[in-house]
Protein backbone atom coordinates (compact mmCIF):
# COMPACT_ATOMS: atom_id res chain seq x y z
CA MET A 1 122.88 -111.11 14.34
CA PRO A 2 120.57 -111.63 11.36
CA ALA A 3 117.02 -112.59 12.28
CA ALA A 4 117.18 -115.60 9.95
CA VAL A 5 119.96 -117.13 12.06
CA LYS A 6 117.77 -116.97 15.19
CA GLY A 7 114.51 -117.98 13.50
CA ALA A 8 113.61 -120.80 11.14
CA PRO A 9 116.13 -123.59 10.71
CA PRO A 10 118.20 -123.34 7.54
CA VAL A 11 117.41 -125.49 4.54
CA VAL A 12 119.90 -126.60 1.91
CA ARG A 13 119.07 -126.10 -1.74
CA PRO A 14 120.94 -125.78 -5.04
CA LEU A 15 123.00 -122.62 -5.50
CA LEU A 16 121.46 -120.42 -8.20
CA ALA A 17 123.03 -117.62 -10.21
CA SER A 18 120.72 -115.23 -8.36
CA ASP A 19 122.44 -116.27 -5.08
CA TRP A 20 125.79 -115.01 -6.33
CA PRO A 21 125.76 -111.61 -4.55
CA ALA A 22 125.28 -113.30 -1.15
CA VAL A 23 127.70 -116.13 -1.97
CA ARG A 24 130.29 -113.58 -3.12
CA THR A 25 129.95 -111.67 0.17
CA ILE A 26 130.39 -114.84 2.24
CA TYR A 27 133.37 -115.90 0.10
CA ALA A 28 134.96 -112.45 0.51
CA ALA A 29 134.59 -112.67 4.31
CA GLY A 30 136.35 -116.06 4.28
CA ILE A 31 139.18 -114.66 2.18
CA ALA A 32 139.57 -111.61 4.44
CA ALA A 33 139.78 -113.74 7.59
CA GLY A 34 142.85 -115.50 6.19
CA GLN A 35 141.97 -118.99 7.42
CA ALA A 36 139.94 -120.36 4.53
CA THR A 37 141.92 -120.13 1.29
CA PHE A 38 145.00 -118.93 -0.53
CA GLU A 39 142.69 -117.08 -2.94
CA ASP A 40 143.17 -113.35 -2.60
CA LYS A 41 140.00 -112.22 -4.35
CA VAL A 42 136.59 -113.58 -5.18
CA PRO A 43 136.25 -114.63 -8.80
CA GLY A 44 133.42 -113.35 -10.96
CA TRP A 45 130.27 -115.41 -11.36
CA GLU A 46 131.35 -116.78 -14.75
CA ALA A 47 134.64 -118.14 -13.37
CA PHE A 48 132.93 -119.58 -10.27
CA ASP A 49 130.17 -121.11 -12.39
CA SER A 50 132.56 -122.77 -14.83
CA ALA A 51 134.87 -124.09 -12.09
CA HIS A 52 132.24 -125.82 -9.94
CA LEU A 53 130.09 -128.81 -10.84
CA PRO A 54 126.46 -127.73 -11.32
CA GLY A 55 124.98 -130.57 -9.25
CA LEU A 56 127.42 -129.95 -6.42
CA ARG A 57 126.77 -126.30 -5.57
CA LEU A 58 124.58 -125.71 -2.54
CA VAL A 59 123.47 -122.91 -0.25
CA ALA A 60 122.01 -122.94 3.24
CA GLU A 61 119.14 -120.50 3.48
CA ALA A 62 116.91 -119.37 6.33
CA GLY A 63 114.05 -117.09 5.42
CA ASN A 64 115.41 -115.22 2.43
CA GLU A 65 118.97 -115.07 3.76
CA ILE A 66 121.90 -117.13 2.47
CA LEU A 67 123.90 -118.32 5.50
CA GLY A 68 126.58 -120.33 3.71
CA TRP A 69 127.54 -122.23 0.61
CA ALA A 70 129.32 -125.41 -0.45
CA ALA A 71 130.64 -126.42 -3.83
CA ALA A 72 132.89 -128.98 -5.51
CA SER A 73 135.28 -128.80 -8.45
CA PRO A 74 136.84 -131.61 -10.46
CA VAL A 75 140.48 -132.20 -9.53
CA SER A 76 141.48 -133.28 -13.04
CA PRO A 77 140.06 -133.42 -16.57
CA ARG A 78 141.32 -137.02 -16.92
CA ALA A 79 138.54 -139.62 -17.14
CA ALA A 80 140.16 -141.77 -14.44
CA TYR A 81 139.59 -138.97 -11.93
CA ARG A 82 135.97 -138.23 -12.87
CA GLY A 83 134.84 -139.22 -9.38
CA VAL A 84 137.33 -137.10 -7.45
CA VAL A 85 136.45 -133.55 -6.43
CA GLU A 86 137.83 -130.79 -4.25
CA GLN A 87 135.17 -129.31 -2.01
CA SER A 88 134.72 -126.03 -0.18
CA VAL A 89 132.34 -124.92 2.57
CA TYR A 90 131.93 -121.29 3.64
CA VAL A 91 129.64 -119.94 6.35
CA ALA A 92 128.68 -116.29 6.86
CA PRO A 93 130.39 -114.87 9.97
CA ALA A 94 127.04 -114.18 11.69
CA ALA A 95 125.92 -117.79 11.13
CA GLN A 96 129.08 -119.54 12.35
CA GLY A 97 128.78 -121.90 15.29
CA ARG A 98 125.15 -122.75 14.52
CA GLY A 99 125.51 -125.99 12.54
CA VAL A 100 125.28 -124.39 9.09
CA GLY A 101 128.66 -125.78 8.00
CA ARG A 102 127.71 -129.28 9.16
CA LEU A 103 124.38 -129.07 7.35
CA LEU A 104 126.09 -127.96 4.13
CA LEU A 105 128.91 -130.50 4.27
CA HIS A 106 126.53 -133.36 5.04
CA ALA A 107 124.31 -132.37 2.10
CA LEU A 108 127.33 -131.98 -0.20
CA VAL A 109 128.62 -135.44 0.71
CA ALA A 110 125.20 -136.97 0.01
CA SER A 111 124.85 -135.11 -3.30
CA ALA A 112 128.36 -136.14 -4.33
CA GLU A 113 127.73 -139.80 -3.62
CA ASN A 114 124.40 -139.66 -5.46
CA SER A 115 126.33 -138.20 -8.42
CA GLY A 116 128.86 -141.05 -8.48
CA ILE A 117 131.66 -139.13 -6.76
CA TRP A 118 133.92 -141.50 -4.86
CA THR A 119 136.41 -139.09 -3.30
CA LEU A 120 135.93 -135.65 -1.81
CA GLN A 121 139.13 -133.90 -0.85
CA CYS A 122 140.10 -130.59 0.68
CA SER A 123 142.99 -128.64 2.13
CA ILE A 124 142.56 -126.92 5.48
CA PHE A 125 144.92 -124.60 7.33
CA PRO A 126 145.92 -126.37 10.58
CA GLU A 127 144.86 -123.30 12.56
CA ASN A 128 141.29 -123.66 11.26
CA THR A 129 140.39 -126.15 13.97
CA VAL A 130 136.63 -125.68 13.54
CA SER A 131 136.75 -126.70 9.87
CA LEU A 132 139.10 -129.57 10.65
CA ALA A 133 136.77 -130.93 13.36
CA LEU A 134 133.76 -130.54 11.08
CA HIS A 135 135.37 -132.51 8.27
CA ILE A 136 136.59 -135.29 10.57
CA ALA A 137 133.09 -135.58 12.08
CA GLU A 138 131.71 -135.97 8.54
CA GLY A 139 134.02 -138.91 7.79
CA PHE A 140 137.05 -137.18 6.26
CA ARG A 141 140.46 -138.51 7.23
CA LEU A 142 143.76 -136.73 7.43
CA VAL A 143 145.97 -137.91 4.57
CA GLY A 144 148.94 -135.66 5.25
CA ARG A 145 150.42 -132.27 5.93
CA ARG A 146 151.86 -130.07 3.21
CA GLU A 147 154.49 -127.96 4.94
CA ARG A 148 155.08 -124.40 3.80
CA VAL A 149 153.17 -125.23 0.63
CA ALA A 150 152.45 -121.62 -0.34
CA LYS A 151 153.05 -118.06 0.77
CA MET A 152 149.99 -116.08 1.80
CA ILE A 153 149.65 -112.83 -0.14
CA HIS A 154 146.64 -111.33 1.66
CA GLY A 155 144.98 -110.88 5.02
CA PRO A 156 146.37 -111.21 8.51
CA HIS A 157 148.91 -113.85 7.40
CA ALA A 158 150.25 -111.94 4.38
CA GLY A 159 153.90 -112.78 3.77
CA GLU A 160 153.78 -116.01 5.80
CA TRP A 161 154.47 -119.47 4.43
CA ARG A 162 151.48 -121.64 5.35
CA ASP A 163 151.00 -125.34 5.91
CA THR A 164 147.83 -127.12 4.85
CA LEU A 165 146.32 -130.38 5.98
CA PHE A 166 145.09 -132.61 3.17
CA LEU A 167 141.89 -134.51 3.95
CA GLU A 168 139.73 -136.89 1.97
CA ARG A 169 136.48 -138.75 2.31
CA ARG A 170 136.08 -141.96 0.35
CA SER A 171 132.66 -143.18 -0.66
CA GLY A 172 131.37 -146.66 -0.04
CA ILE A 173 131.03 -147.03 -3.82
CA VAL A 174 134.83 -147.34 -4.25
CA GLY A 175 135.68 -150.74 -5.70
CA THR A 176 132.08 -151.93 -6.09
CA ASP A 177 132.12 -152.19 -9.90
């Protein structure tokens, strides 16, 4: 286990371009495990950078080690949806089970609300019970289940049709203006 996981508590800070090698490694581990995403490969920095909102990209760091990351992307270019984002949280395998995901998701929710975001949404594989519990504890609610929504093309579930659970977290700013 990395020394940083045992030592100083992690801090959350903005994700920088220089963090990309560590973020890419954590993202690749999530893809390989087959319980985090339908993505089959990590995008390059340019694609990741352009897809995620600059103010809503965070890392958890302890010492000089990146333990996880969180980011949000707009769900639509339409002005009416400017406050709706899809969020992701990934934790390095060695740092899982130590509160890093909770720390990241809590910080992402706060940053989103401070940025005027009124809805955070995500899709989670039903088998990913840890992520599901984390999101529910952070105020997300289950909106529905998308059955056999897509066929996995990589990892241990390659060739299987997968369900996803659709969750959202609504901000207290909804309907206040």
